Protein backbone atom coordinates (compact mmCIF):
# COMPACT_ATOMS: atom_id res chain seq x y z
CA MET A 1 29.81 169.28 123.88
CA LEU A 2 27.52 171.96 122.50
CA ARG A 3 25.53 170.48 119.61
CA ASP A 4 24.71 172.45 116.50
CA VAL A 5 21.23 170.98 116.07
CA VAL A 6 19.01 168.76 118.20
CA ILE A 7 16.28 167.03 116.21
CA VAL A 8 13.35 165.84 118.29
CA GLY A 9 11.74 162.94 116.46
CA GLY A 10 13.24 159.95 114.65
CA GLY A 11 10.73 159.56 111.83
CA PRO A 12 11.12 160.44 108.13
CA ALA A 13 11.31 164.21 108.70
CA GLY A 14 13.89 164.02 111.49
CA LEU A 15 16.05 161.36 109.84
CA ALA A 16 16.06 163.15 106.49
CA ALA A 17 17.09 166.39 108.21
CA ALA A 18 19.87 164.60 110.09
CA LEU A 19 21.22 163.21 106.83
CA VAL A 20 21.47 166.69 105.28
CA LEU A 21 23.06 168.18 108.40
CA GLY A 22 25.47 165.28 108.82
CA ARG A 23 26.64 165.69 105.24
CA SER A 24 27.07 169.37 106.06
CA ARG A 25 29.47 168.44 108.91
CA LYS A 26 27.22 169.75 111.66
CA GLN A 27 27.08 168.25 115.15
CA VAL A 28 23.61 166.68 115.27
CA THR A 29 21.69 164.70 117.87
CA VAL A 30 18.44 162.95 116.95
CA PHE A 31 16.12 161.90 119.76
CA ASP A 32 13.75 159.03 119.07
CA ALA A 33 11.13 158.20 121.71
CA GLY A 34 10.33 154.92 119.96
CA VAL A 35 6.62 155.52 119.36
CA PRO A 36 6.30 156.27 115.61
CA ARG A 37 2.95 157.59 114.45
CA ASN A 38 2.74 154.97 111.68
CA ALA A 39 3.62 152.03 113.93
CA ALA A 40 0.29 150.32 113.19
CA SER A 41 0.88 150.40 109.43
CA GLU A 42 2.40 147.35 107.78
CA HIS A 43 3.98 149.24 104.87
CA VAL A 44 4.98 152.71 103.73
CA HIS A 45 3.65 153.53 100.27
CA GLY A 46 4.28 156.30 97.78
CA PHE A 47 7.91 156.70 98.91
CA LEU A 48 10.04 156.60 95.76
CA SER A 49 12.44 153.60 95.79
CA ARG A 50 10.93 152.37 99.08
CA ASP A 51 7.30 151.71 98.11
CA GLY A 52 5.92 148.91 100.28
CA THR A 53 8.73 148.99 102.85
CA PRO A 54 7.65 148.28 106.46
CA PRO A 55 7.96 151.44 108.60
CA ASP A 56 10.50 149.97 111.02
CA GLU A 57 12.64 148.76 108.11
CA LEU A 58 12.57 152.23 106.53
CA ARG A 59 13.81 153.76 109.79
CA ALA A 60 16.51 151.07 110.12
CA ILE A 61 17.78 151.82 106.61
CA ALA A 62 17.89 155.54 107.40
CA ARG A 63 19.74 154.96 110.66
CA ALA A 64 22.31 152.78 108.91
CA GLU A 65 22.92 155.59 106.43
CA LEU A 66 23.33 158.11 109.26
CA ALA A 67 25.90 155.87 110.97
CA ARG A 68 28.36 156.74 108.19
CA TYR A 69 28.49 160.35 109.40
CA PRO A 70 30.60 160.80 112.58
CA THR A 71 28.96 164.08 113.61
CA VAL A 72 25.48 162.52 113.85
CA GLU A 73 24.23 160.58 116.86
CA VAL A 74 20.83 159.00 117.50
CA ILE A 75 19.66 158.65 121.10
CA ASP A 76 16.71 156.42 121.89
CA ALA A 77 15.09 158.58 124.54
CA ARG A 78 12.18 160.97 124.98
CA VAL A 79 12.83 164.69 125.26
CA THR A 80 10.93 165.96 128.29
CA ALA A 81 11.73 169.69 128.28
CA ILE A 82 13.40 172.41 126.24
CA ALA A 83 14.57 175.58 128.01
CA SER A 84 13.96 178.73 125.97
CA ALA A 85 17.35 180.34 126.63
CA THR A 86 20.04 180.28 123.92
CA PRO A 87 21.86 177.95 123.72
CA PHE A 88 18.90 175.71 124.39
CA ARG A 89 19.11 173.20 127.20
CA VAL A 90 17.41 169.94 126.22
CA THR A 91 16.35 167.60 129.01
CA HIS A 92 15.76 163.99 128.05
CA GLU A 93 15.29 160.64 129.76
CA ARG A 94 19.02 159.98 129.86
CA GLY A 95 20.38 163.40 130.73
CA VAL A 96 20.76 166.93 129.34
CA LEU A 97 22.62 168.61 126.51
CA ASP A 98 22.90 172.08 124.98
CA THR A 99 22.34 173.04 121.36
CA ARG A 100 22.34 176.06 119.07
CA ARG A 101 19.22 175.06 117.14
CA ILE A 102 16.15 172.89 117.74
CA MET A 103 14.20 171.07 115.04
CA LEU A 104 10.84 169.57 116.01
CA CYS A 105 9.81 166.52 113.97
CA VAL A 106 7.58 164.76 116.49
CA GLY A 107 4.46 164.40 114.36
CA LEU A 108 1.03 164.39 115.96
CA VAL A 109 -0.96 162.23 118.36
CA ASP A 110 -3.96 160.42 116.84
CA GLU A 111 -7.04 159.85 118.98
CA LEU A 112 -9.32 157.25 117.39
CA PRO A 113 -13.11 157.36 117.64
CA ALA A 114 -14.40 155.55 120.75
CA LEU A 115 -15.73 152.51 118.90
CA PRO A 116 -15.34 148.92 120.11
CA GLY A 117 -12.92 147.03 117.85
CA ILE A 118 -11.33 150.00 116.12
CA GLU A 119 -7.87 149.87 117.70
CA ALA A 120 -7.23 146.27 116.60
CA CYS A 121 -7.99 147.16 112.98
CA TRP A 122 -6.20 150.53 112.90
CA GLY A 123 -3.53 150.63 110.19
CA LYS A 124 -4.67 147.35 108.65
CA SER A 125 -8.34 147.56 107.65
CA VAL A 126 -9.34 150.82 109.37
CA LEU A 127 -7.38 153.48 107.53
CA HIS A 128 -6.73 157.20 107.34
CA CYS A 129 -4.93 158.06 104.10
CA PRO A 130 -6.07 156.64 100.75
CA TYR A 131 -2.79 157.63 99.11
CA CYS A 132 -0.99 155.39 101.61
CA HIS A 133 -3.32 152.40 101.62
CA ALA A 134 -6.27 152.49 99.22
CA TYR A 135 -4.51 150.88 96.25
CA GLU A 136 -3.91 147.70 98.26
CA CYS A 137 -7.66 147.39 98.98
CA ARG A 138 -8.95 148.77 95.66
CA GLU A 139 -12.38 147.59 94.49
CA LYS A 140 -13.26 146.28 97.93
CA ARG A 141 -16.17 147.41 100.10
CA PHE A 142 -15.26 150.80 101.57
CA GLY A 143 -16.88 152.80 104.33
CA PHE A 144 -16.22 156.33 105.51
CA LEU A 145 -17.05 157.70 108.96
CA PRO A 146 -16.83 161.53 108.94
CA ARG A 147 -16.44 163.51 112.17
CA THR A 148 -17.91 166.76 110.82
CA ASP A 149 -19.65 168.05 107.71
CA THR A 150 -16.38 169.63 106.56
CA GLU A 151 -15.07 166.14 105.78
CA LEU A 152 -17.93 165.01 103.54
CA GLU A 153 -16.16 165.69 100.23
CA PHE A 154 -13.52 163.13 101.22
CA ALA A 155 -15.99 160.43 100.18
CA LEU A 156 -15.79 161.65 96.57
CA LEU A 157 -12.02 161.13 96.68
CA LEU A 158 -12.44 157.57 97.96
CA ARG A 159 -14.57 156.69 94.94
CA GLY A 160 -11.37 156.77 92.89
CA TRP A 161 -10.44 153.40 94.40
CA THR A 162 -13.79 151.63 94.67
CA ASP A 163 -17.29 151.47 93.23
CA ASP A 164 -18.69 150.19 96.53
CA LEU A 165 -18.74 152.97 99.13
CA VAL A 166 -21.04 153.78 102.03
CA VAL A 167 -20.87 156.88 104.24
CA PHE A 168 -21.93 156.47 107.87
CA THR A 169 -23.35 159.85 108.85
CA ASN A 170 -23.47 159.03 112.58
CA GLY A 171 -25.35 162.26 113.28
CA VAL A 172 -23.43 164.49 110.85
CA ALA A 173 -25.75 166.60 108.67
CA ILE A 174 -25.18 165.71 105.01
CA ASP A 175 -27.95 167.56 103.17
CA GLU A 176 -25.47 169.55 101.07
CA ALA A 177 -23.65 166.38 100.02
CA ARG A 178 -26.66 164.26 99.06
CA ALA A 179 -26.74 165.35 95.42
CA ASP A 180 -23.00 164.70 94.96
CA TYR A 181 -23.32 161.33 96.65
CA ALA A 182 -26.22 160.35 94.41
CA ARG A 183 -24.28 161.23 91.25
CA ALA A 184 -21.22 159.36 92.52
CA GLN A 185 -23.35 156.35 93.56
CA ILE A 186 -22.26 156.62 97.18
CA ARG A 187 -24.65 154.99 99.63
CA ILE A 188 -25.70 156.71 102.85
CA GLU A 189 -26.18 154.94 106.18
CA GLU A 190 -27.83 157.16 108.78
CA ARG A 191 -28.20 154.72 111.64
CA ARG A 192 -25.88 155.36 114.58
CA VAL A 193 -22.59 153.46 114.54
CA VAL A 194 -22.07 151.39 117.69
CA GLY A 195 -18.99 149.29 116.92
CA LEU A 196 -16.95 147.26 114.45
CA VAL A 197 -17.07 143.57 113.62
CA ALA A 198 -13.65 142.07 112.91
CA GLU A 199 -11.60 138.89 112.81
CA GLY A 200 -8.21 139.79 114.23
CA ARG A 201 -7.17 142.91 112.33
CA GLU A 202 -9.50 142.24 109.40
CA LEU A 203 -12.69 144.26 109.33
CA ARG A 204 -15.86 142.36 108.50
CA GLY A 205 -18.46 145.04 109.01
CA VAL A 206 -19.75 148.06 110.89
CA GLU A 207 -22.35 147.48 113.55
CA VAL A 208 -25.14 150.06 113.50
CA GLU A 209 -28.28 150.36 115.56
CA GLY A 210 -30.53 147.53 114.49
CA GLY A 211 -28.14 145.85 112.09
CA GLN A 212 -24.76 145.40 110.48
CA VAL A 213 -23.21 146.73 107.25
CA PRO A 214 -20.65 144.35 105.64
CA LEU A 215 -17.35 146.10 104.90
CA ASP A 216 -13.72 145.36 104.08
CA ASN A 217 -12.21 148.75 104.92
CA LEU A 218 -13.31 151.77 106.92
CA PHE A 219 -11.71 155.20 106.50
CA VAL A 220 -11.73 157.58 109.45
CA HIS A 221 -10.00 160.85 110.31
CA PRO A 222 -8.88 160.63 113.95
CA THR A 223 -8.86 163.66 116.17
CA GLN A 224 -5.29 164.95 116.19
CA ARG A 225 -3.39 166.91 118.81
CA GLN A 226 0.11 168.17 119.38
CA THR A 227 2.45 166.32 121.73
CA THR A 228 2.87 167.46 125.33
CA LEU A 229 6.38 168.73 124.52
CA VAL A 230 5.21 170.93 121.65
CA LYS A 231 2.33 172.30 123.74
CA SER A 232 4.75 173.22 126.53
CA LEU A 233 6.70 175.54 124.24
CA GLY A 234 3.74 177.88 123.70
CA LEU A 235 4.34 178.16 119.97
CA ARG A 236 2.11 180.15 117.68
CA MET A 237 -0.41 177.92 115.89
CA PHE A 238 -1.51 178.15 112.27
CA ASP A 239 -4.81 176.49 113.13
CA GLU A 240 -6.16 174.19 115.84
CA ASN A 241 -3.83 171.31 114.89
CA SER A 242 -0.85 172.81 113.05
CA VAL A 243 2.18 174.69 114.37
CA TRP A 244 2.86 177.93 112.49
CA VAL A 245 6.21 178.21 110.68
CA ASP A 246 7.61 180.84 108.35
CA GLU A 247 8.85 180.17 104.82
CA HIS A 248 12.08 178.72 106.23
CA GLY A 249 10.42 176.37 108.71
CA GLU A 250 11.16 178.52 111.76
CA THR A 251 8.49 178.63 114.46
CA SER A 252 7.48 181.66 116.52
CA MET A 253 10.30 180.78 118.94
CA PRO A 254 13.55 182.00 117.35
CA ARG A 255 15.98 179.22 116.31
CA VAL A 256 13.34 176.54 116.86
CA TYR A 257 12.24 174.91 113.62
CA ALA A 258 9.60 172.34 112.75
CA ALA A 259 8.86 169.96 109.88
CA GLY A 260 6.51 167.11 109.12
CA ASP A 261 3.00 166.28 110.25
CA LEU A 262 2.91 168.77 113.14
CA ILE A 263 2.84 171.76 110.76
CA THR A 264 0.41 170.63 108.04
CA PRO A 265 -2.86 168.70 107.58
CA ILE A 266 -1.37 166.92 104.53
CA HIS A 267 0.52 163.91 105.84
CA GLY A 268 2.73 161.23 104.35
CA ALA A 269 6.19 159.76 104.92
CA VAL A 270 7.67 161.09 101.70
CA LEU A 271 6.19 164.54 102.32
CA ALA A 272 7.63 164.60 105.84
CA ALA A 273 11.06 163.54 104.55
CA ALA A 274 10.98 166.25 101.90
CA ALA A 275 9.97 168.87 104.47
CA GLY A 276 12.74 167.78 106.83
CA THR A 277 15.27 168.03 104.02
CA ALA A 278 14.16 171.54 103.05
CA VAL A 279 14.28 172.87 106.60
CA ALA A 280 17.71 171.28 107.16
CA TYR A 281 19.03 173.15 104.11
CA LYS A 282 17.97 176.44 105.68
CA ILE A 283 19.29 175.60 109.15
CA ASN A 284 22.67 174.63 107.74
CA THR A 285 22.90 177.78 105.61
CA LEU A 286 22.20 180.02 108.60
CA LEU A 287 24.47 178.08 110.95
CA THR A 288 27.40 178.06 108.53
CA LYS A 289 27.18 181.79 107.90
CA GLU A 290 26.92 182.40 111.64
CA MET A 291 30.03 180.29 112.28
CA MET A 292 32.01 182.11 109.60
CA ARG A 293 31.09 185.51 111.01
CA GLU A 294 32.06 184.37 114.51
CA ASN A 295 35.28 182.75 113.22
CA ARG A 296 34.31 179.34 114.60
């Protein structure tokens, strides 16, 4: 059967879009490769009515809601290719299917700094987003490890959750930030970072050349890249990391839409769900009008 919409990605953006489209009586298939970007996190925060819910529980609740809509199916498989002809042919690990529209909700791939001990602590005591996690570790000893000088102002934001903050420059020039840091009482550590000291997933400190700095939480911004599937489509990019979309969420490939982390540097589960909902509204509006004009 020809599907109306294939949604690639079973996270908040994709599941929220599927809910809208299912309620709009569209034939929808959601593909979930089973590797959510927030898998290392213990809880989702800032999501109204679901604050503190574990990520896998949030997805299970969403899937249970989708099961009430007979036109929606969720397939646990990775999409490996999308042919550019219309209707689109979607190749996945369990077969192929055709669809009128594509919606990409696959998020991004995070590449952590190459530091011994960081992977074990990621999502628990080594963190990315203060809006997601900083409240739970408020007033503890924070550290921030910037990748470039463009990230230095992030330390000022972190001070909203703690009075004890140290920035590890690790070779990044910070001359322009020194005055701000002094006023905000942010300490500066200029020795090279060589690793982390942890007990299980709990950070105990950052190892620097010639010593160790005691810490409870370290904030880092991982390098981010698009998935192999998104790269293969040759889509126009807004910047190095974000796929360009128009005001309706449509990419540079006609009838291929995108929502969630892959189109914006501002990430969060509730933001992704809202974006998925908004794009689904537009897809359904266009599809319904198209069907009426074609007498389908």
